[in-house]
Amino acid sequence: MSSKRIYHRWSKDEVKLLYKTVVNSNKNWKQVRLMFPQFSLLQLQNKFTMIEKQYFTLAKTSRNSSDSDIPRMNQSSDETIRVLMELMEQRHE
């Protein structure tokens, strides 16, 4: 097995799809792997953890947002995705 260390830059759509897939499947990683066969399980789990940390931290630190604005895992994933995407947009401005 070759250990190719090629860094993959995730597009917004991929991030969105990964997050949505993980949440909608209740973290069924087998299902997630089917959607992203090019990545190892570990890569996908690490990326998901990173997405959560990045954007939840961002949500907490973005001006004028209270704790109630921060998406929770038990909220509908569509709502969470919407909030995450808004935060991503703000970050790219």
PDB file of N, CA and C in Angstrom:
ATOM      1  N   MET A   1       0.837  -1.186   0.000  1.00  0.00           N
ATOM      2  CA  MET A   1       0.000   0.000   0.000  1.00  0.00           C
ATOM      3  C   MET A   1       0.882   1.251   0.000  1.00  0.00           C
ATOM      4  N   SER A   2       0.712   2.081  -0.976  1.00  0.00           N
ATOM      5  CA  SER A   2       1.533   3.290  -1.014  1.00  0.00           C
ATOM      6  C   SER A   2       0.908   4.363  -0.143  1.00  0.00           C
ATOM      7  N   SER A   3       1.753   5.068   0.569  1.00  0.00           N
ATOM      8  CA  SER A   3       1.228   6.111   1.447  1.00  0.00           C
ATOM      9  C   SER A   3       1.388   7.457   0.745  1.00  0.00           C
ATOM     10  N   LYS A   4       0.474   7.726  -0.161  1.00  0.00           N
ATOM     11  CA  LYS A   4       0.505   8.997  -0.875  1.00  0.00           C
ATOM     12  C   LYS A   4      -0.017  10.079   0.052  1.00  0.00           C
ATOM     13  N   ARG A   5       0.812  11.058   0.304  1.00  0.00           N
ATOM     14  CA  ARG A   5       0.419  12.149   1.191  1.00  0.00           C
ATOM     15  C   ARG A   5       0.010  13.343   0.342  1.00  0.00           C
ATOM     16  N   ILE A   6      -1.063  13.181  -0.392  1.00  0.00           N
ATOM     17  CA  ILE A   6      -1.526  14.291  -1.211  1.00  0.00           C
ATOM     18  C   ILE A   6      -2.591  15.024  -0.427  1.00  0.00           C
ATOM     19  N   TYR A   7      -2.366  16.300  -0.205  1.00  0.00           N
ATOM     20  CA  TYR A   7      -3.338  17.062   0.566  1.00  0.00           C
ATOM     21  C   TYR A   7      -4.512  17.393  -0.335  1.00  0.00           C
ATOM     22  N   HIS A   8      -5.688  17.095   0.137  1.00  0.00           N
ATOM     23  CA  HIS A   8      -6.895  17.382  -0.632  1.00  0.00           C
ATOM     24  C   HIS A   8      -7.540  18.653  -0.097  1.00  0.00           C
ATOM     25  N   ARG A   9      -7.680  19.621  -0.967  1.00  0.00           N
ATOM     26  CA  ARG A   9      -8.363  20.847  -0.559  1.00  0.00           C
ATOM     27  C   ARG A   9      -9.855  20.657  -0.799  1.00  0.00           C
ATOM     28  N   TRP A  10     -10.604  20.668   0.275  1.00  0.00           N
ATOM     29  CA  TRP A  10     -12.034  20.410   0.182  1.00  0.00           C
ATOM     30  C   TRP A  10     -12.781  21.635  -0.316  1.00  0.00           C
ATOM     31  N   SER A  11     -13.664  21.412  -1.279  1.00  0.00           N
ATOM     32  CA  SER A  11     -14.506  22.512  -1.759  1.00  0.00           C
ATOM     33  C   SER A  11     -15.662  22.686  -0.765  1.00  0.00           C
ATOM     34  N   LYS A  12     -16.335  23.820  -0.863  1.00  0.00           N
ATOM     35  CA  LYS A  12     -17.481  24.067   0.022  1.00  0.00           C
ATOM     36  C   LYS A  12     -18.533  22.977  -0.163  1.00  0.00           C
ATOM     37  N   ASP A  13     -18.735  22.571  -1.412  1.00  0.00           N
ATOM     38  CA  ASP A  13     -19.751  21.548  -1.692  1.00  0.00           C
ATOM     39  C   ASP A  13     -19.383  20.215  -1.061  1.00  0.00           C
ATOM     40  N   GLU A  14     -18.112  19.879  -1.108  1.00  0.00           N
ATOM     41  CA  GLU A  14     -17.664  18.625  -0.495  1.00  0.00           C
ATOM     42  C   GLU A  14     -17.834  18.675   1.023  1.00  0.00           C
ATOM     43  N   VAL A  15     -17.482  19.805   1.594  1.00  0.00           N
ATOM     44  CA  VAL A  15     -17.627  19.976   3.041  1.00  0.00           C
ATOM     45  C   VAL A  15     -19.100  19.825   3.420  1.00  0.00           C
ATOM     46  N   LYS A  16     -19.944  20.492   2.646  1.00  0.00           N
ATOM     47  CA  LYS A  16     -21.387  20.437   2.881  1.00  0.00           C
ATOM     48  C   LYS A  16     -21.881  18.989   2.778  1.00  0.00           C
ATOM     49  N   LEU A  17     -21.474  18.316   1.706  1.00  0.00           N
ATOM     50  CA  LEU A  17     -21.909  16.941   1.478  1.00  0.00           C
ATOM     51  C   LEU A  17     -21.410  16.009   2.575  1.00  0.00           C
ATOM     52  N   LEU A  18     -20.157  16.168   2.956  1.00  0.00           N
ATOM     53  CA  LEU A  18     -19.601  15.321   4.018  1.00  0.00           C
ATOM     54  C   LEU A  18     -20.388  15.524   5.306  1.00  0.00           C
ATOM     55  N   TYR A  19     -20.565  16.777   5.670  1.00  0.00           N
ATOM     56  CA  TYR A  19     -21.257  17.076   6.925  1.00  0.00           C
ATOM     57  C   TYR A  19     -22.674  16.505   6.902  1.00  0.00           C
ATOM     58  N   LYS A  20     -23.364  16.770   5.820  1.00  0.00           N
ATOM     59  CA  LYS A  20     -24.748  16.316   5.681  1.00  0.00           C
ATOM     60  C   LYS A  20     -24.832  14.791   5.726  1.00  0.00           C
ATOM     61  N   THR A  21     -23.929  14.127   5.029  1.00  0.00           N
ATOM     62  CA  THR A  21     -23.926  12.666   4.975  1.00  0.00           C
ATOM     63  C   THR A  21     -23.696  12.079   6.360  1.00  0.00           C
ATOM     64  N   VAL A  22     -22.729  12.633   7.062  1.00  0.00           N
ATOM     65  CA  VAL A  22     -22.417  12.131   8.412  1.00  0.00           C
ATOM     66  C   VAL A  22     -23.611  12.322   9.339  1.00  0.00           C
ATOM     67  N   VAL A  23     -24.182  13.518   9.334  1.00  0.00           N
ATOM     68  CA  VAL A  23     -25.295  13.819  10.239  1.00  0.00           C
ATOM     69  C   VAL A  23     -26.537  12.999   9.877  1.00  0.00           C
ATOM     70  N   ASN A  24     -26.864  12.969   8.590  1.00  0.00           N
ATOM     71  CA  ASN A  24     -28.070  12.248   8.168  1.00  0.00           C
ATOM     72  C   ASN A  24     -27.968  10.743   8.378  1.00  0.00           C
ATOM     73  N   SER A  25     -26.764  10.216   8.348  1.00  0.00           N
ATOM     74  CA  SER A  25     -26.595   8.770   8.528  1.00  0.00           C
ATOM     75  C   SER A  25     -26.359   8.426  10.003  1.00  0.00           C
ATOM     76  N   ASN A  26     -26.489   9.431  10.871  1.00  0.00           N
ATOM     77  CA  ASN A  26     -26.193   9.225  12.297  1.00  0.00           C
ATOM     78  C   ASN A  26     -24.790   8.672  12.506  1.00  0.00           C
ATOM     79  N   LYS A  27     -23.875   9.263  11.827  1.00  0.00           N
ATOM     80  CA  LYS A  27     -22.460   8.878  11.893  1.00  0.00           C
ATOM     81  C   LYS A  27     -22.231   7.414  11.504  1.00  0.00           C
ATOM     82  N   ASN A  28     -22.942   6.981  10.477  1.00  0.00           N
ATOM     83  CA  ASN A  28     -22.717   5.649   9.921  1.00  0.00           C
ATOM     84  C   ASN A  28     -21.560   5.786   8.921  1.00  0.00           C
ATOM     85  N   TRP A  29     -20.354   5.486   9.398  1.00  0.00           N
ATOM     86  CA  TRP A  29     -19.153   5.771   8.601  1.00  0.00           C
ATOM     87  C   TRP A  29     -19.044   4.901   7.361  1.00  0.00           C
ATOM     88  N   LYS A  30     -19.677   3.703   7.383  1.00  0.00           N
ATOM     89  CA  LYS A  30     -19.670   2.853   6.189  1.00  0.00           C
ATOM     90  C   LYS A  30     -20.377   3.567   5.050  1.00  0.00           C
ATOM     91  N   GLN A  31     -21.510   4.152   5.394  1.00  0.00           N
ATOM     92  CA  GLN A  31     -22.297   4.895   4.410  1.00  0.00           C
ATOM     93  C   GLN A  31     -21.511   6.116   3.917  1.00  0.00           C
ATOM     94  N   VAL A  32     -20.839   6.779   4.833  1.00  0.00           N
ATOM     95  CA  VAL A  32     -20.053   7.963   4.481  1.00  0.00           C
ATOM     96  C   VAL A  32     -18.919   7.567   3.525  1.00  0.00           C
ATOM     97  N   ARG A  33     -18.274   6.454   3.809  1.00  0.00           N
ATOM     98  CA  ARG A  33     -17.185   5.976   2.948  1.00  0.00           C
ATOM     99  C   ARG A  33     -17.668   5.691   1.534  1.00  0.00           C
ATOM    100  N   LEU A  34     -18.900   5.200   1.409  1.00  0.00           N
ATOM    101  CA  LEU A  34     -19.455   4.930   0.077  1.00  0.00           C
ATOM    102  C   LEU A  34     -19.563   6.217  -0.736  1.00  0.00           C
ATOM    103  N   MET A  35     -19.867   7.299  -0.047  1.00  0.00           N
ATOM    104  CA  MET A  35     -19.991   8.594  -0.715  1.00  0.00           C
ATOM    105  C   MET A  35     -18.616   9.179  -1.071  1.00  0.00           C
ATOM    106  N   PHE A  36     -17.609   8.823  -0.267  1.00  0.00           N
ATOM    107  CA  PHE A  36     -16.261   9.373  -0.454  1.00  0.00           C
ATOM    108  C   PHE A  36     -15.226   8.246  -0.504  1.00  0.00           C
ATOM    109  N   PRO A  37     -15.303   7.397  -1.521  1.00  0.00           N
ATOM    110  CA  PRO A  37     -14.413   6.222  -1.564  1.00  0.00           C
ATOM    111  C   PRO A  37     -12.934   6.583  -1.677  1.00  0.00           C
ATOM    112  N   GLN A  38     -12.647   7.819  -2.116  1.00  0.00           N
ATOM    113  CA  GLN A  38     -11.251   8.214  -2.312  1.00  0.00           C
ATOM    114  C   GLN A  38     -10.519   8.499  -1.000  1.00  0.00           C
ATOM    115  N   PHE A  39     -11.271   8.545   0.101  1.00  0.00           N
ATOM    116  CA  PHE A  39     -10.652   8.847   1.392  1.00  0.00           C
ATOM    117  C   PHE A  39     -10.710   7.652   2.327  1.00  0.00           C
ATOM    118  N   SER A  40      -9.760   7.599   3.213  1.00  0.00           N
ATOM    119  CA  SER A  40      -9.800   6.549   4.240  1.00  0.00           C
ATOM    120  C   SER A  40     -10.804   6.965   5.306  1.00  0.00           C
ATOM    121  N   LEU A  41     -11.218   5.993   6.085  1.00  0.00           N
ATOM    122  CA  LEU A  41     -12.158   6.256   7.168  1.00  0.00           C
ATOM    123  C   LEU A  41     -11.591   7.314   8.113  1.00  0.00           C
ATOM    124  N   LEU A  42     -10.327   7.162   8.439  1.00  0.00           N
ATOM    125  CA  LEU A  42      -9.675   8.092   9.353  1.00  0.00           C
ATOM    126  C   LEU A  42      -9.669   9.508   8.781  1.00  0.00           C
ATOM    127  N   GLN A  43      -9.370   9.633   7.497  1.00  0.00           N
ATOM    128  CA  GLN A  43      -9.359  10.955   6.862  1.00  0.00           C
ATOM    129  C   GLN A  43     -10.734  11.618   6.974  1.00  0.00           C
ATOM    130  N   LEU A  44     -11.767  10.819   6.724  1.00  0.00           N
ATOM    131  CA  LEU A  44     -13.130  11.364   6.774  1.00  0.00           C
ATOM    132  C   LEU A  44     -13.514  11.773   8.189  1.00  0.00           C
ATOM    133  N   GLN A  45     -13.167  10.928   9.147  1.00  0.00           N
ATOM    134  CA  GLN A  45     -13.502  11.254  10.539  1.00  0.00           C
ATOM    135  C   GLN A  45     -12.746  12.494  10.999  1.00  0.00           C
ATOM    136  N   ASN A  46     -11.473  12.580  10.623  1.00  0.00           N
ATOM    137  CA  ASN A  46     -10.673  13.750  10.989  1.00  0.00           C
ATOM    138  C   ASN A  46     -11.245  15.015  10.362  1.00  0.00           C
ATOM    139  N   LYS A  47     -11.627  14.905   9.098  1.00  0.00           N
ATOM    140  CA  LYS A  47     -12.171  16.070   8.397  1.00  0.00           C
ATOM    141  C   LYS A  47     -13.470  16.523   9.048  1.00  0.00           C
ATOM    142  N   PHE A  48     -14.320  15.552   9.397  1.00  0.00           N
ATOM    143  CA  PHE A  48     -15.599  15.891  10.025  1.00  0.00           C
ATOM    144  C   PHE A  48     -15.367  16.593  11.360  1.00  0.00           C
ATOM    145  N   THR A  49     -14.454  16.072  12.144  1.00  0.00           N
ATOM    146  CA  THR A  49     -14.126  16.666  13.445  1.00  0.00           C
ATOM    147  C   THR A  49     -13.618  18.087  13.239  1.00  0.00           C
ATOM    148  N   MET A  50     -12.789  18.252  12.212  1.00  0.00           N
ATOM    149  CA  MET A  50     -12.233  19.574  11.913  1.00  0.00           C
ATOM    150  C   MET A  50     -13.339  20.557  11.530  1.00  0.00           C
ATOM    151  N   ILE A  51     -14.267  20.090  10.692  1.00  0.00           N
ATOM    152  CA  ILE A  51     -15.377  20.946  10.260  1.00  0.00           C
ATOM    153  C   ILE A  51     -16.163  21.405  11.483  1.00  0.00           C
ATOM    154  N   GLU A  52     -16.483  20.438  12.349  1.00  0.00           N
ATOM    155  CA  GLU A  52     -17.254  20.782  13.548  1.00  0.00           C
ATOM    156  C   GLU A  52     -16.518  21.805  14.402  1.00  0.00           C
ATOM    157  N   LYS A  53     -15.263  21.525  14.686  1.00  0.00           N
ATOM    158  CA  LYS A  53     -14.479  22.425  15.542  1.00  0.00           C
ATOM    159  C   LYS A  53     -14.389  23.809  14.927  1.00  0.00           C
ATOM    160  N   GLN A  54     -14.034  23.825  13.640  1.00  0.00           N
ATOM    161  CA  GLN A  54     -13.838  25.097  12.945  1.00  0.00           C
ATOM    162  C   GLN A  54     -15.082  25.962  12.992  1.00  0.00           C
ATOM    163  N   TYR A  55     -16.200  25.392  12.610  1.00  0.00           N
ATOM    164  CA  TYR A  55     -17.376  26.227  12.446  1.00  0.00           C
ATOM    165  C   TYR A  55     -18.125  26.464  13.740  1.00  0.00           C
ATOM    166  N   PHE A  56     -18.035  25.531  14.678  1.00  0.00           N
ATOM    167  CA  PHE A  56     -18.684  25.790  15.953  1.00  0.00           C
ATOM    168  C   PHE A  56     -17.887  26.832  16.722  1.00  0.00           C
ATOM    169  N   THR A  57     -16.577  26.777  16.573  1.00  0.00           N
ATOM    170  CA  THR A  57     -15.726  27.801  17.192  1.00  0.00           C
ATOM    171  C   THR A  57     -16.020  29.139  16.535  1.00  0.00           C
ATOM    172  N   LEU A  58     -16.139  29.107  15.226  1.00  0.00           N
ATOM    173  CA  LEU A  58     -16.436  30.303  14.457  1.00  0.00           C
ATOM    174  C   LEU A  58     -17.779  30.890  14.896  1.00  0.00           C
ATOM    175  N   ALA A  59     -18.755  30.000  15.103  1.00  0.00           N
ATOM    176  CA  ALA A  59     -20.086  30.455  15.511  1.00  0.00           C
ATOM    177  C   ALA A  59     -20.023  31.131  16.872  1.00  0.00           C
ATOM    178  N   LYS A  60     -19.225  30.558  17.763  1.00  0.00           N
ATOM    179  CA  LYS A  60     -19.113  31.122  19.107  1.00  0.00           C
ATOM    180  C   LYS A  60     -18.424  32.473  19.086  1.00  0.00           C
ATOM    181  N   THR A  61     -17.440  32.603  18.191  1.00  0.00           N
ATOM    182  CA  THR A  61     -16.636  33.821  18.207  1.00  0.00           C
ATOM    183  C   THR A  61     -17.153  34.890  17.257  1.00  0.00           C
ATOM    184  N   SER A  62     -18.050  34.503  16.326  1.00  0.00           N
ATOM    185  CA  SER A  62     -18.529  35.532  15.411  1.00  0.00           C
ATOM    186  C   SER A  62     -19.311  36.548  16.229  1.00  0.00           C
ATOM    187  N   ARG A  63     -19.104  37.815  15.887  1.00  0.00           N
ATOM    188  CA  ARG A  63     -19.780  38.876  16.644  1.00  0.00           C
ATOM    189  C   ARG A  63     -21.242  38.537  16.834  1.00  0.00           C
ATOM    190  N   ASN A  64     -21.998  39.289  17.444  1.00  0.00           N
ATOM    191  CA  ASN A  64     -23.447  39.172  17.621  1.00  0.00           C
ATOM    192  C   ASN A  64     -24.074  37.772  17.535  1.00  0.00           C
ATOM    193  N   SER A  65     -23.374  36.705  17.929  1.00  0.00           N
ATOM    194  CA  SER A  65     -24.076  35.419  17.983  1.00  0.00           C
ATOM    195  C   SER A  65     -24.081  34.910  19.412  1.00  0.00           C
ATOM    196  N   SER A  66     -25.236  34.493  19.842  1.00  0.00           N
ATOM    197  CA  SER A  66     -25.351  33.956  21.195  1.00  0.00           C
ATOM    198  C   SER A  66     -25.222  32.447  21.116  1.00  0.00           C
ATOM    199  N   ASP A  67     -25.206  31.798  22.250  1.00  0.00           N
ATOM    200  CA  ASP A  67     -25.093  30.335  22.278  1.00  0.00           C
ATOM    201  C   ASP A  67     -26.216  29.659  21.502  1.00  0.00           C
ATOM    202  N   SER A  68     -27.374  30.283  21.504  1.00  0.00           N
ATOM    203  CA  SER A  68     -28.525  29.655  20.851  1.00  0.00           C
ATOM    204  C   SER A  68     -28.386  29.631  19.326  1.00  0.00           C
ATOM    205  N   ASP A  69     -27.462  30.439  18.789  1.00  0.00           N
ATOM    206  CA  ASP A  69     -27.265  30.449  17.334  1.00  0.00           C
ATOM    207  C   ASP A  69     -26.383  29.300  16.869  1.00  0.00           C
ATOM    208  N   ILE A  70     -25.716  28.678  17.820  1.00  0.00           N
ATOM    209  CA  ILE A  70     -24.766  27.641  17.442  1.00  0.00           C
ATOM    210  C   ILE A  70     -25.505  26.350  17.138  1.00  0.00           C
ATOM    211  N   PRO A  71     -25.275  25.814  15.940  1.00  0.00           N
ATOM    212  CA  PRO A  71     -26.001  24.597  15.574  1.00  0.00           C
ATOM    213  C   PRO A  71     -25.643  23.426  16.479  1.00  0.00           C
ATOM    214  N   ARG A  72     -26.601  22.638  16.807  1.00  0.00           N
ATOM    215  CA  ARG A  72     -26.386  21.451  17.643  1.00  0.00           C
ATOM    216  C   ARG A  72     -26.586  20.213  16.785  1.00  0.00           C
ATOM    217  N   MET A  73     -25.906  19.152  17.145  1.00  0.00           N
ATOM    218  CA  MET A  73     -26.010  17.928  16.365  1.00  0.00           C
ATOM    219  C   MET A  73     -27.435  17.383  16.325  1.00  0.00           C
ATOM    220  N   ASN A  74     -28.249  17.667  17.332  1.00  0.00           N
ATOM    221  CA  ASN A  74     -29.593  17.092  17.347  1.00  0.00           C
ATOM    222  C   ASN A  74     -30.612  17.951  16.591  1.00  0.00           C
ATOM    223  N   GLN A  75     -30.159  19.094  16.098  1.00  0.00           N
ATOM    224  CA  GLN A  75     -31.040  19.912  15.265  1.00  0.00           C
ATOM    225  C   GLN A  75     -31.155  19.231  13.913  1.00  0.00           C
ATOM    226  N   SER A  76     -32.097  19.641  13.111  1.00  0.00           N
ATOM    227  CA  SER A  76     -32.179  19.056  11.777  1.00  0.00           C
ATOM    228  C   SER A  76     -30.887  19.414  11.054  1.00  0.00           C
ATOM    229  N   SER A  77     -30.385  18.464  10.297  1.00  0.00           N
ATOM    230  CA  SER A  77     -29.098  18.708   9.639  1.00  0.00           C
ATOM    231  C   SER A  77     -29.206  19.841   8.630  1.00  0.00           C
ATOM    232  N   ASP A  78     -30.374  20.010   8.028  1.00  0.00           N
ATOM    233  CA  ASP A  78     -30.527  21.095   7.055  1.00  0.00           C
ATOM    234  C   ASP A  78     -30.327  22.451   7.725  1.00  0.00           C
ATOM    235  N   GLU A  79     -30.890  22.583   8.907  1.00  0.00           N
ATOM    236  CA  GLU A  79     -30.740  23.822   9.667  1.00  0.00           C
ATOM    237  C   GLU A  79     -29.270  24.030  10.035  1.00  0.00           C
ATOM    238  N   THR A  80     -28.632  22.964  10.485  1.00  0.00           N
ATOM    239  CA  THR A  80     -27.222  23.049  10.867  1.00  0.00           C
ATOM    240  C   THR A  80     -26.376  23.430   9.658  1.00  0.00           C
ATOM    241  N   ILE A  81     -26.644  22.773   8.530  1.00  0.00           N
ATOM    242  CA  ILE A  81     -25.905  23.067   7.298  1.00  0.00           C
ATOM    243  C   ILE A  81     -26.085  24.535   6.918  1.00  0.00           C
ATOM    244  N   ARG A  82     -27.317  25.021   7.018  1.00  0.00           N
ATOM    245  CA  ARG A  82     -27.598  26.409   6.653  1.00  0.00           C
ATOM    246  C   ARG A  82     -26.746  27.361   7.493  1.00  0.00           C
ATOM    247  N   VAL A  83     -26.726  27.105   8.795  1.00  0.00           N
ATOM    248  CA  VAL A  83     -25.952  27.958   9.699  1.00  0.00           C
ATOM    249  C   VAL A  83     -24.462  27.855   9.372  1.00  0.00           C
ATOM    250  N   LEU A  84     -23.997  26.624   9.161  1.00  0.00           N
ATOM    251  CA  LEU A  84     -22.578  26.436   8.840  1.00  0.00           C
ATOM    252  C   LEU A  84     -22.210  27.168   7.558  1.00  0.00           C
ATOM    253  N   MET A  85     -23.069  27.076   6.555  1.00  0.00           N
ATOM    254  CA  MET A  85     -22.783  27.713   5.276  1.00  0.00           C
ATOM    255  C   MET A  85     -22.744  29.230   5.429  1.00  0.00           C
ATOM    256  N   GLU A  86     -23.648  29.766   6.234  1.00  0.00           N
ATOM    257  CA  GLU A  86     -23.632  31.212   6.481  1.00  0.00           C
ATOM    258  C   GLU A  86     -22.313  31.620   7.121  1.00  0.00           C
ATOM    259  N   LEU A  87     -21.878  30.830   8.074  1.00  0.00           N
ATOM    260  CA  LEU A  87     -20.621  31.141   8.759  1.00  0.00           C
ATOM    261  C   LEU A  87     -19.444  31.045   7.796  1.00  0.00           C
ATOM    262  N   MET A  88     -19.490  30.047   6.917  1.00  0.00           N
ATOM    263  CA  MET A  88     -18.415  29.892   5.937  1.00  0.00           C
ATOM    264  C   MET A  88     -18.378  31.092   5.003  1.00  0.00           C
ATOM    265  N   GLU A  89     -19.564  31.523   4.570  1.00  0.00           N
ATOM    266  CA  GLU A  89     -19.645  32.682   3.688  1.00  0.00           C
ATOM    267  C   GLU A  89     -19.019  33.898   4.353  1.00  0.00           C
ATOM    268  N   GLN A  90     -19.385  34.141   5.620  1.00  0.00           N
ATOM    269  CA  GLN A  90     -18.846  35.289   6.351  1.00  0.00           C
ATOM    270  C   GLN A  90     -17.330  35.212   6.391  1.00  0.00           C
ATOM    271  N   ARG A  91     -16.836  33.997   6.564  1.00  0.00           N
ATOM    272  CA  ARG A  91     -15.400  33.830   6.701  1.00  0.00           C
ATOM    273  C   ARG A  91     -14.664  34.117   5.408  1.00  0.00           C
ATOM    274  N   HIS A  92     -15.316  33.846   4.289  1.00  0.00           N
ATOM    275  CA  HIS A  92     -14.645  34.030   3.002  1.00  0.00           C
ATOM    276  C   HIS A  92     -14.732  35.451   2.487  1.00  0.00           C
ATOM    277  N   GLU A  93     -15.520  36.274   3.150  1.00  0.00           N
ATOM    278  CA  GLU A  93     -15.667  37.663   2.685  1.00  0.00           C
ATOM    279  C   GLU A  93     -14.415  38.475   2.941  1.00  0.00           C
TER     280      GLU A  93
END
